[in-house]
Amino acid sequence: MVRASKSVVEDILQNGISENPLMLRGVAVENIIYMFENGVMPPSTTEDESKNHLYFWPIRKNFKRFERIYREFERCGVKFAIEESKSYAKLSAADEYMMKVLIDELHMPPEHARKLYNHFDAGFRYDGPKKYEKQALKLDWNNIYKSAKKRKGVLLEPKRNILDDFTPQIPDGLDDGIRIYCPKGLDIKYVHGVKPLGKIEEVILNSYLKSLS
């Protein structure tokens, strides 16, 4: 994994979202910073069918050569994809913020924080140190939730050449859009641009850019 250069980060931030994107993904600003720091957008690590995948909302007219996607996503134009991606971005932003609280406040390793958060949020089994679970229960979750709700997330637009190297799939349901299998993450070379959806995200991304030499 290689940290993105300042010029690459500048280009992605300046590009934003185009008028006719191929497809869109809603993410947390922490995911974008991770991508800049490591050169890849991390895939899902949840222990279900989404593991090792990244999900996107397709703009139907761009998928004529993928017959099933073109047929199934009949109403998925740019506006629809933006709104669905915004909704997911907001959820992801809140999740990642609360994850960050666990890591920062309890000094937890990220792998334990993810497992503990999934335990509280979705009922997954937590097999990490019990001390973290006990400490997490003592946190002021009312204020944490309030802060999490202020997060809006970020829209990410991939480049069109992503379809040259990845085959889009339709999961069991259509409620999550389409997905690509990328267990090692999506290389930053496939990313066209990102757009912060809130002031907090905008400040974080601008501060990150200024921190680069």
N, C-alpha and C. Protein backbone atom coordinates (compact mmCIF):
# COMPACT_ATOMS: atom_id res chain seq x y z
N MET A 1 0.84 -1.20 0.00
CA MET A 1 0.00 0.00 0.00
C MET A 1 0.87 1.25 0.00
N VAL A 2 0.52 2.19 -0.88
CA VAL A 2 1.33 3.39 -1.05
C VAL A 2 0.46 4.63 -0.86
N ARG A 3 0.96 5.55 -0.09
CA ARG A 3 0.25 6.80 0.15
C ARG A 3 0.12 7.60 -1.15
N ALA A 4 -1.06 8.17 -1.39
CA ALA A 4 -1.29 8.97 -2.59
C ALA A 4 -0.51 10.27 -2.53
N SER A 5 0.00 10.70 -3.67
CA SER A 5 0.73 11.96 -3.72
C SER A 5 -0.22 13.14 -3.57
N LYS A 6 0.33 14.29 -3.24
CA LYS A 6 -0.49 15.49 -3.08
C LYS A 6 -1.23 15.83 -4.36
N SER A 7 -0.58 15.64 -5.51
CA SER A 7 -1.22 15.97 -6.79
C SER A 7 -2.42 15.06 -7.06
N VAL A 8 -2.30 13.78 -6.69
CA VAL A 8 -3.42 12.85 -6.87
C VAL A 8 -4.59 13.25 -5.96
N VAL A 9 -4.28 13.57 -4.71
CA VAL A 9 -5.32 14.00 -3.77
C VAL A 9 -6.00 15.27 -4.27
N GLU A 10 -5.21 16.23 -4.73
CA GLU A 10 -5.76 17.48 -5.26
C GLU A 10 -6.70 17.23 -6.43
N ASP A 11 -6.27 16.37 -7.35
CA ASP A 11 -7.09 16.08 -8.53
C ASP A 11 -8.43 15.47 -8.13
N ILE A 12 -8.39 14.50 -7.22
CA ILE A 12 -9.62 13.81 -6.80
C ILE A 12 -10.57 14.78 -6.10
N LEU A 13 -10.03 15.65 -5.26
CA LEU A 13 -10.88 16.62 -4.56
C LEU A 13 -11.43 17.67 -5.51
N GLN A 14 -10.62 18.10 -6.47
CA GLN A 14 -11.06 19.12 -7.43
C GLN A 14 -12.05 18.56 -8.43
N ASN A 15 -11.90 17.29 -8.79
CA ASN A 15 -12.81 16.68 -9.77
C ASN A 15 -14.25 16.63 -9.26
N GLY A 16 -14.39 16.35 -7.98
CA GLY A 16 -15.74 16.23 -7.42
C GLY A 16 -16.53 15.14 -8.12
N ILE A 17 -17.80 15.41 -8.38
CA ILE A 17 -18.68 14.46 -9.07
C ILE A 17 -19.07 15.06 -10.42
N SER A 18 -18.92 14.30 -11.48
CA SER A 18 -19.23 14.80 -12.81
C SER A 18 -20.73 14.82 -13.08
N GLU A 19 -21.13 15.45 -14.18
CA GLU A 19 -22.56 15.52 -14.53
C GLU A 19 -23.11 14.17 -14.96
N ASN A 20 -22.26 13.32 -15.49
CA ASN A 20 -22.70 12.02 -15.97
C ASN A 20 -21.79 10.92 -15.43
N PRO A 21 -21.88 10.64 -14.12
CA PRO A 21 -21.02 9.61 -13.53
C PRO A 21 -21.41 8.21 -14.00
N LEU A 22 -20.44 7.31 -13.99
CA LEU A 22 -20.71 5.92 -14.32
C LEU A 22 -21.58 5.29 -13.24
N MET A 23 -21.16 5.47 -12.01
CA MET A 23 -21.89 4.98 -10.84
C MET A 23 -21.35 5.73 -9.63
N LEU A 24 -22.04 5.62 -8.51
CA LEU A 24 -21.67 6.38 -7.31
C LEU A 24 -21.69 5.49 -6.07
N ARG A 25 -20.88 5.90 -5.11
CA ARG A 25 -20.83 5.19 -3.83
C ARG A 25 -20.83 6.21 -2.71
N GLY A 26 -21.60 5.95 -1.66
CA GLY A 26 -21.59 6.80 -0.48
C GLY A 26 -20.69 6.22 0.58
N VAL A 27 -19.78 7.04 1.11
CA VAL A 27 -18.82 6.56 2.11
C VAL A 27 -18.64 7.59 3.22
N ALA A 28 -17.93 7.20 4.26
CA ALA A 28 -17.56 8.12 5.34
C ALA A 28 -16.26 8.82 4.97
N VAL A 29 -16.05 9.99 5.53
CA VAL A 29 -14.81 10.73 5.24
C VAL A 29 -13.60 9.94 5.72
N GLU A 30 -13.76 9.15 6.78
CA GLU A 30 -12.64 8.33 7.26
C GLU A 30 -12.19 7.33 6.19
N ASN A 31 -13.13 6.82 5.39
CA ASN A 31 -12.78 5.90 4.31
C ASN A 31 -11.95 6.60 3.23
N ILE A 32 -12.29 7.87 2.97
CA ILE A 32 -11.55 8.64 1.97
C ILE A 32 -10.12 8.91 2.47
N ILE A 33 -9.99 9.29 3.74
CA ILE A 33 -8.65 9.53 4.30
C ILE A 33 -7.83 8.24 4.24
N TYR A 34 -8.46 7.12 4.57
CA TYR A 34 -7.77 5.83 4.49
C TYR A 34 -7.29 5.58 3.06
N MET A 35 -8.14 5.87 2.10
CA MET A 35 -7.77 5.68 0.70
C MET A 35 -6.57 6.54 0.31
N PHE A 36 -6.57 7.79 0.75
CA PHE A 36 -5.44 8.68 0.45
C PHE A 36 -4.16 8.17 1.13
N GLU A 37 -4.30 7.67 2.34
CA GLU A 37 -3.13 7.23 3.10
C GLU A 37 -2.56 5.90 2.61
N ASN A 38 -3.42 5.04 2.07
CA ASN A 38 -3.00 3.68 1.71
C ASN A 38 -3.10 3.35 0.23
N GLY A 39 -3.70 4.24 -0.54
CA GLY A 39 -3.80 4.02 -1.99
C GLY A 39 -4.92 3.11 -2.43
N VAL A 40 -5.77 2.66 -1.49
CA VAL A 40 -6.89 1.80 -1.83
C VAL A 40 -8.12 2.16 -1.00
N MET A 41 -9.29 1.98 -1.59
CA MET A 41 -10.55 2.09 -0.85
C MET A 41 -10.85 0.72 -0.27
N PRO A 42 -10.95 0.60 1.07
CA PRO A 42 -11.13 -0.73 1.67
C PRO A 42 -12.51 -1.31 1.37
N PRO A 43 -12.59 -2.64 1.17
CA PRO A 43 -13.88 -3.29 0.95
C PRO A 43 -14.58 -3.53 2.27
N SER A 44 -15.78 -4.04 2.20
CA SER A 44 -16.52 -4.39 3.41
C SER A 44 -15.82 -5.54 4.14
N THR A 45 -15.79 -5.43 5.47
CA THR A 45 -15.22 -6.51 6.28
C THR A 45 -16.29 -7.23 7.11
N THR A 46 -17.54 -6.87 6.89
CA THR A 46 -18.64 -7.50 7.63
C THR A 46 -18.72 -8.98 7.28
N GLU A 47 -18.96 -9.80 8.29
CA GLU A 47 -19.00 -11.25 8.09
C GLU A 47 -20.33 -11.70 7.49
N ASP A 48 -20.60 -11.27 6.28
CA ASP A 48 -21.78 -11.73 5.54
C ASP A 48 -21.45 -11.69 4.06
N GLU A 49 -22.46 -11.74 3.20
CA GLU A 49 -22.19 -11.83 1.76
C GLU A 49 -21.54 -10.57 1.19
N SER A 50 -21.57 -9.48 1.93
CA SER A 50 -20.96 -8.24 1.44
C SER A 50 -19.45 -8.20 1.65
N LYS A 51 -18.92 -9.13 2.43
CA LYS A 51 -17.49 -9.13 2.73
C LYS A 51 -16.66 -9.16 1.44
N ASN A 52 -15.62 -8.31 1.41
CA ASN A 52 -14.69 -8.20 0.28
C ASN A 52 -15.30 -7.56 -0.96
N HIS A 53 -16.45 -6.92 -0.81
CA HIS A 53 -17.10 -6.23 -1.93
C HIS A 53 -17.21 -4.73 -1.66
N LEU A 54 -17.36 -3.98 -2.73
CA LEU A 54 -17.72 -2.57 -2.66
C LEU A 54 -19.01 -2.39 -3.45
N TYR A 55 -19.93 -1.62 -2.88
CA TYR A 55 -21.24 -1.42 -3.49
C TYR A 55 -21.35 -0.02 -4.13
N PHE A 56 -22.07 0.04 -5.25
CA PHE A 56 -22.27 1.29 -5.98
C PHE A 56 -23.71 1.35 -6.48
N TRP A 57 -24.17 2.57 -6.71
CA TRP A 57 -25.44 2.75 -7.41
C TRP A 57 -25.12 3.09 -8.86
N PRO A 58 -25.56 2.24 -9.80
CA PRO A 58 -25.23 2.45 -11.21
C PRO A 58 -26.15 3.47 -11.87
N ILE A 59 -25.63 4.19 -12.84
CA ILE A 59 -26.48 5.02 -13.70
C ILE A 59 -26.81 4.15 -14.91
N ARG A 60 -28.05 3.76 -15.01
CA ARG A 60 -28.48 2.69 -15.90
C ARG A 60 -27.99 2.83 -17.34
N LYS A 61 -28.04 4.02 -17.90
CA LYS A 61 -27.70 4.20 -19.31
C LYS A 61 -26.25 3.83 -19.62
N ASN A 62 -25.41 3.77 -18.60
CA ASN A 62 -24.01 3.42 -18.80
C ASN A 62 -23.75 1.92 -18.77
N PHE A 63 -24.80 1.13 -18.59
CA PHE A 63 -24.62 -0.31 -18.40
C PHE A 63 -25.36 -1.15 -19.45
N LYS A 64 -25.46 -0.63 -20.66
CA LYS A 64 -26.19 -1.33 -21.71
C LYS A 64 -25.56 -2.68 -22.04
N ARG A 65 -24.25 -2.80 -21.86
CA ARG A 65 -23.61 -4.08 -22.19
C ARG A 65 -23.75 -5.10 -21.06
N PHE A 66 -24.30 -4.66 -19.94
CA PHE A 66 -24.59 -5.59 -18.84
C PHE A 66 -26.12 -5.74 -18.79
N GLU A 67 -26.61 -6.70 -19.53
CA GLU A 67 -28.04 -6.82 -19.80
C GLU A 67 -28.91 -6.85 -18.56
N ARG A 68 -28.51 -7.62 -17.55
CA ARG A 68 -29.36 -7.75 -16.36
C ARG A 68 -29.39 -6.45 -15.56
N ILE A 69 -28.24 -5.79 -15.42
CA ILE A 69 -28.20 -4.52 -14.70
C ILE A 69 -29.06 -3.49 -15.43
N TYR A 70 -28.92 -3.42 -16.74
CA TYR A 70 -29.69 -2.46 -17.54
C TYR A 70 -31.19 -2.71 -17.39
N ARG A 71 -31.57 -3.98 -17.28
CA ARG A 71 -32.99 -4.33 -17.17
C ARG A 71 -33.51 -4.07 -15.76
N GLU A 72 -32.76 -4.49 -14.74
CA GLU A 72 -33.24 -4.43 -13.37
C GLU A 72 -33.25 -3.03 -12.77
N PHE A 73 -32.32 -2.17 -13.20
CA PHE A 73 -32.20 -0.84 -12.60
C PHE A 73 -32.81 0.23 -13.52
N GLU A 74 -34.02 -0.01 -13.94
CA GLU A 74 -34.70 0.84 -14.91
C GLU A 74 -34.84 2.28 -14.45
N ARG A 75 -35.08 2.49 -13.18
CA ARG A 75 -35.33 3.86 -12.68
C ARG A 75 -34.07 4.54 -12.14
N CYS A 76 -32.93 3.91 -12.32
CA CYS A 76 -31.70 4.42 -11.71
C CYS A 76 -30.97 5.39 -12.63
N GLY A 77 -31.40 6.65 -12.60
CA GLY A 77 -30.71 7.72 -13.30
C GLY A 77 -29.75 8.41 -12.36
N VAL A 78 -29.18 9.52 -12.79
CA VAL A 78 -28.20 10.23 -11.98
C VAL A 78 -28.80 10.71 -10.65
N LYS A 79 -29.97 11.34 -10.73
CA LYS A 79 -30.60 11.88 -9.51
C LYS A 79 -30.88 10.78 -8.51
N PHE A 80 -31.42 9.66 -8.99
CA PHE A 80 -31.75 8.54 -8.10
C PHE A 80 -30.48 7.98 -7.46
N ALA A 81 -29.42 7.81 -8.25
CA ALA A 81 -28.16 7.28 -7.73
C ALA A 81 -27.55 8.20 -6.69
N ILE A 82 -27.66 9.51 -6.92
CA ILE A 82 -27.13 10.48 -5.95
C ILE A 82 -27.88 10.38 -4.63
N GLU A 83 -29.20 10.34 -4.68
CA GLU A 83 -29.98 10.30 -3.45
C GLU A 83 -29.75 9.01 -2.66
N GLU A 84 -29.69 7.88 -3.37
CA GLU A 84 -29.44 6.61 -2.68
C GLU A 84 -28.04 6.58 -2.07
N SER A 85 -27.08 7.11 -2.82
CA SER A 85 -25.70 7.14 -2.32
C SER A 85 -25.56 8.09 -1.13
N LYS A 86 -26.29 9.20 -1.16
CA LYS A 86 -26.28 10.13 -0.02
C LYS A 86 -26.81 9.45 1.23
N SER A 87 -27.87 8.68 1.08
CA SER A 87 -28.46 7.99 2.24
C SER A 87 -27.46 7.02 2.84
N TYR A 88 -26.78 6.27 1.99
CA TYR A 88 -25.79 5.31 2.48
C TYR A 88 -24.60 6.03 3.08
N ALA A 89 -24.20 7.15 2.47
CA ALA A 89 -23.07 7.93 2.98
C ALA A 89 -23.33 8.39 4.41
N LYS A 90 -24.55 8.84 4.66
CA LYS A 90 -24.89 9.33 6.00
C LYS A 90 -24.83 8.20 7.03
N LEU A 91 -25.33 7.03 6.67
CA LEU A 91 -25.28 5.89 7.58
C LEU A 91 -23.84 5.46 7.84
N SER A 92 -23.07 5.40 6.75
CA SER A 92 -21.67 5.01 6.87
C SER A 92 -20.88 6.01 7.70
N ALA A 93 -21.19 7.31 7.50
CA ALA A 93 -20.49 8.35 8.24
C ALA A 93 -20.71 8.23 9.74
N ALA A 94 -21.95 7.96 10.12
CA ALA A 94 -22.27 7.79 11.54
C ALA A 94 -21.56 6.56 12.11
N ASP A 95 -21.58 5.47 11.36
CA ASP A 95 -20.92 4.24 11.81
C ASP A 95 -19.43 4.46 12.03
N GLU A 96 -18.78 5.08 11.05
CA GLU A 96 -17.34 5.27 11.13
C GLU A 96 -16.96 6.24 12.25
N TYR A 97 -17.81 7.25 12.47
CA TYR A 97 -17.55 8.18 13.57
C TYR A 97 -17.56 7.43 14.90
N MET A 98 -18.57 6.58 15.08
CA MET A 98 -18.66 5.84 16.35
C MET A 98 -17.53 4.83 16.49
N MET A 99 -17.10 4.28 15.37
CA MET A 99 -15.92 3.41 15.39
C MET A 99 -14.70 4.18 15.86
N LYS A 100 -14.55 5.40 15.35
CA LYS A 100 -13.40 6.23 15.70
C LYS A 100 -13.41 6.57 17.20
N VAL A 101 -14.61 6.78 17.74
CA VAL A 101 -14.73 7.05 19.16
C VAL A 101 -14.20 5.86 19.97
N LEU A 102 -14.58 4.64 19.58
CA LEU A 102 -14.11 3.45 20.28
C LEU A 102 -12.59 3.35 20.24
N ILE A 103 -12.02 3.64 19.08
CA ILE A 103 -10.57 3.55 18.92
C ILE A 103 -9.86 4.63 19.73
N ASP A 104 -10.36 5.86 19.63
CA ASP A 104 -9.69 6.99 20.28
C ASP A 104 -9.90 7.01 21.80
N GLU A 105 -11.13 6.76 22.23
CA GLU A 105 -11.45 6.87 23.65
C GLU A 105 -10.95 5.67 24.46
N LEU A 106 -11.02 4.50 23.88
CA LEU A 106 -10.65 3.29 24.60
C LEU A 106 -9.29 2.75 24.19
N HIS A 107 -8.65 3.44 23.23
CA HIS A 107 -7.33 3.02 22.73
C HIS A 107 -7.37 1.57 22.25
N MET A 108 -8.43 1.26 21.53
CA MET A 108 -8.62 -0.09 21.03
C MET A 108 -7.93 -0.27 19.68
N PRO A 109 -7.38 -1.44 19.41
CA PRO A 109 -6.92 -1.74 18.06
C PRO A 109 -8.12 -1.73 17.11
N PRO A 110 -7.96 -1.22 15.90
CA PRO A 110 -9.10 -1.13 14.96
C PRO A 110 -9.86 -2.44 14.76
N GLU A 111 -9.13 -3.57 14.73
CA GLU A 111 -9.82 -4.85 14.50
C GLU A 111 -10.77 -5.19 15.65
N HIS A 112 -10.39 -4.85 16.88
CA HIS A 112 -11.28 -5.09 18.02
C HIS A 112 -12.44 -4.09 18.02
N ALA A 113 -12.15 -2.85 17.63
CA ALA A 113 -13.20 -1.83 17.58
C ALA A 113 -14.27 -2.22 16.58
N ARG A 114 -13.87 -2.72 15.42
CA ARG A 114 -14.84 -3.14 14.40
C ARG A 114 -15.71 -4.27 14.92
N LYS A 115 -15.09 -5.26 15.55
CA LYS A 115 -15.86 -6.39 16.08
C LYS A 115 -16.82 -5.95 17.17
N LEU A 116 -16.34 -5.05 18.04
CA LEU A 116 -17.18 -4.58 19.14
C LEU A 116 -18.33 -3.74 18.62
N TYR A 117 -18.05 -2.88 17.63
CA TYR A 117 -19.13 -2.07 17.07
C TYR A 117 -20.17 -2.96 16.39
N ASN A 118 -19.72 -3.95 15.63
CA ASN A 118 -20.66 -4.88 14.98
C ASN A 118 -21.48 -5.66 16.01
N HIS A 119 -20.87 -5.91 17.16
CA HIS A 119 -21.57 -6.61 18.25
C HIS A 119 -22.71 -5.74 18.79
N PHE A 120 -22.42 -4.47 19.07
CA PHE A 120 -23.44 -3.56 19.59
C PHE A 120 -24.48 -3.21 18.54
N ASP A 121 -24.03 -2.99 17.31
CA ASP A 121 -24.91 -2.48 16.26
C ASP A 121 -25.77 -3.57 15.62
N ALA A 122 -25.18 -4.74 15.39
CA ALA A 122 -25.90 -5.77 14.63
C ALA A 122 -25.98 -7.12 15.33
N GLY A 123 -25.46 -7.21 16.55
CA GLY A 123 -25.60 -8.44 17.30
C GLY A 123 -24.59 -9.53 16.96
N PHE A 124 -23.54 -9.16 16.18
CA PHE A 124 -22.53 -10.16 15.87
C PHE A 124 -21.75 -10.55 17.13
N ARG A 125 -21.24 -11.75 17.14
CA ARG A 125 -20.49 -12.25 18.30
C ARG A 125 -19.19 -11.45 18.46
N TYR A 126 -18.92 -11.05 19.68
CA TYR A 126 -17.67 -10.36 19.98
C TYR A 126 -16.76 -11.29 20.75
N ASP A 127 -15.59 -11.59 20.18
CA ASP A 127 -14.67 -12.53 20.83
C ASP A 127 -13.36 -11.85 21.24
N GLY A 128 -13.42 -10.51 21.37
CA GLY A 128 -12.23 -9.78 21.79
C GLY A 128 -12.14 -9.66 23.30
N PRO A 129 -11.15 -8.91 23.79
CA PRO A 129 -10.98 -8.73 25.24
C PRO A 129 -12.22 -8.12 25.88
N LYS A 130 -12.66 -8.71 26.99
CA LYS A 130 -13.87 -8.25 27.67
C LYS A 130 -13.72 -6.86 28.25
N LYS A 131 -12.48 -6.44 28.54
CA LYS A 131 -12.28 -5.12 29.13
C LYS A 131 -12.78 -4.02 28.20
N TYR A 132 -12.65 -4.21 26.89
CA TYR A 132 -13.11 -3.20 25.95
C TYR A 132 -14.63 -3.10 25.96
N GLU A 133 -15.29 -4.24 26.06
CA GLU A 133 -16.75 -4.26 26.10
C GLU A 133 -17.26 -3.54 27.34
N LYS A 134 -16.63 -3.78 28.49
CA LYS A 134 -17.02 -3.12 29.73
C LYS A 134 -16.77 -1.62 29.67
N GLN A 135 -15.63 -1.22 29.10
CA GLN A 135 -15.30 0.20 29.00
C GLN A 135 -16.25 0.92 28.04
N ALA A 136 -16.63 0.24 26.97
CA ALA A 136 -17.52 0.86 25.98
C ALA A 136 -18.88 1.16 26.57
N LEU A 137 -19.34 0.32 27.47
CA LEU A 137 -20.65 0.53 28.09
C LEU A 137 -20.68 1.77 28.98
N LYS A 138 -19.51 2.26 29.38
CA LYS A 138 -19.42 3.43 30.26
C LYS A 138 -19.35 4.74 29.48
N LEU A 139 -19.23 4.68 28.17
CA LEU A 139 -19.14 5.90 27.36
C LEU A 139 -20.48 6.63 27.32
N ASP A 140 -20.44 7.92 27.06
CA ASP A 140 -21.66 8.75 26.97
C ASP A 140 -22.24 8.61 25.56
N TRP A 141 -23.02 7.55 25.36
CA TRP A 141 -23.51 7.24 24.01
C TRP A 141 -24.55 8.23 23.51
N ASN A 142 -25.26 8.91 24.39
CA ASN A 142 -26.22 9.93 23.94
C ASN A 142 -25.51 11.04 23.17
N ASN A 143 -24.41 11.55 23.73
CA ASN A 143 -23.65 12.59 23.05
C ASN A 143 -22.93 12.06 21.82
N ILE A 144 -22.49 10.82 21.90
CA ILE A 144 -21.81 10.21 20.74
C ILE A 144 -22.78 10.10 19.57
N TYR A 145 -24.01 9.66 19.85
CA TYR A 145 -25.02 9.55 18.79
C TYR A 145 -25.36 10.92 18.20
N LYS A 146 -25.44 11.93 19.06
CA LYS A 146 -25.75 13.28 18.58
C LYS A 146 -24.67 13.77 17.61
N SER A 147 -23.42 13.54 17.97
CA SER A 147 -22.31 13.95 17.11
C SER A 147 -22.30 13.14 15.82
N ALA A 148 -22.62 11.86 15.93
CA ALA A 148 -22.63 10.99 14.75
C ALA A 148 -23.67 11.44 13.73
N LYS A 149 -24.81 11.93 14.23
CA LYS A 149 -25.88 12.35 13.33
C LYS A 149 -25.53 13.61 12.54
N LYS A 150 -24.51 14.35 12.97
CA LYS A 150 -24.09 15.55 12.26
C LYS A 150 -23.25 15.23 11.02
N ARG A 151 -22.79 14.00 10.95
CA ARG A 151 -21.97 13.60 9.80
C ARG A 151 -22.84 13.33 8.58
N LYS A 152 -22.37 13.76 7.41
CA LYS A 152 -23.13 13.60 6.16
C LYS A 152 -22.48 12.61 5.19
N GLY A 153 -21.16 12.42 5.32
CA GLY A 153 -20.47 11.50 4.44
C GLY A 153 -19.95 12.14 3.17
N VAL A 154 -19.53 11.31 2.24
CA VAL A 154 -18.88 11.74 1.00
C VAL A 154 -19.38 10.88 -0.16
N LEU A 155 -19.55 11.50 -1.33
CA LEU A 155 -19.85 10.74 -2.54
C LEU A 155 -18.54 10.44 -3.26
N LEU A 156 -18.43 9.22 -3.78
CA LEU A 156 -17.26 8.81 -4.54
C LEU A 156 -17.69 8.36 -5.93
N GLU A 157 -17.00 8.88 -6.95
CA GLU A 157 -17.26 8.49 -8.34
C GLU A 157 -16.05 7.77 -8.92
N PRO A 158 -16.21 6.52 -9.37
CA PRO A 158 -15.09 5.82 -9.99
C PRO A 158 -14.93 6.23 -11.46
N LYS A 159 -13.75 5.96 -11.99
CA LYS A 159 -13.51 6.18 -13.41
C LYS A 159 -14.19 5.09 -14.23
N ARG A 160 -14.42 5.37 -15.49
CA ARG A 160 -15.12 4.40 -16.34
C ARG A 160 -14.28 3.16 -16.61
N ASN A 161 -12.96 3.27 -16.49
CA ASN A 161 -12.12 2.10 -16.76
C ASN A 161 -12.22 1.04 -15.67
N ILE A 162 -12.97 1.30 -14.61
CA ILE A 162 -13.16 0.30 -13.57
C ILE A 162 -13.83 -0.95 -14.14
N LEU A 163 -14.67 -0.76 -15.16
CA LEU A 163 -15.39 -1.90 -15.75
C LEU A 163 -14.50 -2.73 -16.66
N ASP A 164 -13.30 -2.22 -16.97
CA ASP A 164 -12.35 -3.01 -17.76
C ASP A 164 -11.71 -4.11 -16.91
N ASP A 165 -11.64 -3.89 -15.60
CA ASP A 165 -10.94 -4.82 -14.73
C ASP A 165 -11.82 -5.49 -13.68
N PHE A 166 -13.04 -4.99 -13.51
CA PHE A 166 -13.96 -5.57 -12.54
C PHE A 166 -15.31 -5.82 -13.20
N THR A 167 -15.92 -6.96 -12.88
CA THR A 167 -17.23 -7.30 -13.41
C THR A 167 -18.29 -6.98 -12.37
N PRO A 168 -19.20 -6.05 -12.67
CA PRO A 168 -20.25 -5.71 -11.69
C PRO A 168 -21.21 -6.87 -11.49
N GLN A 169 -21.63 -7.04 -10.25
CA GLN A 169 -22.55 -8.10 -9.88
C GLN A 169 -23.80 -7.51 -9.26
N ILE A 170 -24.90 -8.24 -9.36
CA ILE A 170 -26.12 -7.86 -8.66
C ILE A 170 -26.28 -8.79 -7.46
N PRO A 171 -26.30 -8.24 -6.23
CA PRO A 171 -26.51 -9.09 -5.06
C PRO A 171 -27.93 -9.65 -5.04
N ASP A 172 -28.25 -10.41 -4.01
CA ASP A 172 -29.56 -11.06 -3.95
C ASP A 172 -30.71 -10.06 -4.05
N GLY A 173 -30.56 -8.91 -3.40
CA GLY A 173 -31.60 -7.88 -3.48
C GLY A 173 -31.09 -6.68 -4.27
N LEU A 174 -32.01 -5.84 -4.74
CA LEU A 174 -31.62 -4.66 -5.51
C LEU A 174 -31.50 -3.42 -4.64
N ASP A 175 -31.76 -3.57 -3.33
CA ASP A 175 -31.80 -2.40 -2.44
C ASP A 175 -30.44 -1.78 -2.18
N ASP A 176 -29.37 -2.52 -2.52
CA ASP A 176 -28.02 -2.02 -2.26
C ASP A 176 -27.27 -1.68 -3.54
N GLY A 177 -27.94 -1.66 -4.67
CA GLY A 177 -27.27 -1.36 -5.92
C GLY A 177 -26.51 -2.56 -6.46
N ILE A 178 -25.35 -2.30 -7.08
CA ILE A 178 -24.51 -3.37 -7.61
C ILE A 178 -23.20 -3.40 -6.82
N ARG A 179 -22.41 -4.44 -7.05
CA ARG A 179 -21.17 -4.55 -6.30
C ARG A 179 -20.06 -5.11 -7.17
N ILE A 180 -18.82 -4.86 -6.72
CA ILE A 180 -17.66 -5.47 -7.35
C ILE A 180 -16.87 -6.20 -6.27
N TYR A 181 -16.24 -7.28 -6.68
CA TYR A 181 -15.44 -8.08 -5.76
C TYR A 181 -14.01 -7.58 -5.78
N CYS A 182 -13.54 -7.08 -4.64
CA CYS A 182 -12.17 -6.54 -4.57
C CYS A 182 -11.61 -6.77 -3.17
N PRO A 183 -11.21 -8.00 -2.84
CA PRO A 183 -10.76 -8.34 -1.48
C PRO A 183 -9.57 -7.52 -0.99
N LYS A 184 -8.77 -7.00 -1.92
CA LYS A 184 -7.62 -6.17 -1.53
C LYS A 184 -7.95 -4.68 -1.55
N GLY A 185 -9.21 -4.37 -1.84
CA GLY A 185 -9.62 -2.97 -1.93
C GLY A 185 -9.56 -2.46 -3.36
N LEU A 186 -10.11 -1.27 -3.56
CA LEU A 186 -10.13 -0.65 -4.88
C LEU A 186 -8.99 0.35 -4.98
N ASP A 187 -8.08 0.12 -5.92
CA ASP A 187 -6.93 1.00 -6.09
C ASP A 187 -7.40 2.42 -6.42
N ILE A 188 -6.70 3.40 -5.87
CA ILE A 188 -7.08 4.80 -6.05
C ILE A 188 -7.02 5.22 -7.52
N LYS A 189 -6.30 4.48 -8.34
CA LYS A 189 -6.21 4.82 -9.76
C LYS A 189 -7.57 4.72 -10.46
N TYR A 190 -8.52 4.02 -9.84
CA TYR A 190 -9.85 3.89 -10.43
C TYR A 190 -10.82 4.98 -9.95
N VAL A 191 -10.36 5.88 -9.10
CA VAL A 191 -11.24 6.90 -8.52
C VAL A 191 -11.13 8.21 -9.30
N HIS A 192 -12.27 8.69 -9.79
CA HIS A 192 -12.31 9.96 -10.52
C HIS A 192 -12.36 11.15 -9.57
N GLY A 193 -13.30 11.11 -8.63
CA GLY A 193 -13.45 12.25 -7.73
C GLY A 193 -14.32 11.94 -6.54
N VAL A 194 -14.30 12.85 -5.57
CA VAL A 194 -15.14 12.73 -4.38
C VAL A 194 -15.76 14.09 -4.09
N LYS A 195 -16.91 14.03 -3.42
CA LYS A 195 -17.61 15.27 -3.05
C LYS A 195 -18.08 15.18 -1.60
N PRO A 196 -17.56 16.05 -0.72
CA PRO A 196 -18.04 16.05 0.67
C PRO A 196 -19.48 16.54 0.73
N LEU A 197 -20.29 15.91 1.57
CA LEU A 197 -21.72 16.24 1.65
C LEU A 197 -22.05 17.15 2.84
N GLY A 198 -21.07 17.40 3.68
CA GLY A 198 -21.30 18.25 4.84
C GLY A 198 -20.09 19.11 5.12
N LYS A 199 -20.30 20.12 5.97
CA LYS A 199 -19.22 21.04 6.32
C LYS A 199 -18.11 20.33 7.07
N ILE A 200 -18.47 19.40 7.95
CA ILE A 200 -17.46 18.67 8.72
C ILE A 200 -16.54 17.91 7.78
N GLU A 201 -17.12 17.21 6.81
CA GLU A 201 -16.34 16.44 5.85
C GLU A 201 -15.45 17.36 5.00
N GLU A 202 -16.01 18.49 4.61
CA GLU A 202 -15.24 19.45 3.80
C GLU A 202 -14.01 19.95 4.56
N VAL A 203 -14.21 20.27 5.82
CA VAL A 203 -13.10 20.77 6.66
C VAL A 203 -12.03 19.68 6.82
N ILE A 204 -12.46 18.46 7.08
CA ILE A 204 -11.52 17.36 7.28
C ILE A 204 -10.68 17.11 6.03
N LEU A 205 -11.33 17.12 4.85
CA LEU A 205 -10.61 16.86 3.61
C LEU A 205 -9.66 18.00 3.26
N ASN A 206 -10.11 19.23 3.46
CA ASN A 206 -9.24 20.38 3.19
C ASN A 206 -8.04 20.41 4.13
N SER A 207 -8.27 20.05 5.38
CA SER A 207 -7.18 20.01 6.35
C SER A 207 -6.18 18.92 5.99
N TYR A 208 -6.69 17.79 5.52
CA TYR A 208 -5.79 16.72 5.11
C TYR A 208 -4.91 17.17 3.94
N LEU A 209 -5.53 17.81 2.95
CA LEU A 209 -4.77 18.29 1.80
C LEU A 209 -3.68 19.26 2.22
N LYS A 210 -4.00 20.18 3.13
CA LYS A 210 -3.03 21.17 3.59
C LYS A 210 -1.88 20.53 4.37
N SER A 211 -2.15 19.37 4.95
CA SER A 211 -1.12 18.70 5.75
C SER A 211 -0.07 17.99 4.89
N LEU A 212 -0.36 17.84 3.60
CA LEU A 212 0.57 17.13 2.72
C LEU A 212 1.69 18.06 2.28
N SER A 213 2.88 17.54 2.23
CA SER A 213 4.02 18.37 1.83
C SER A 213 4.18 18.39 0.31
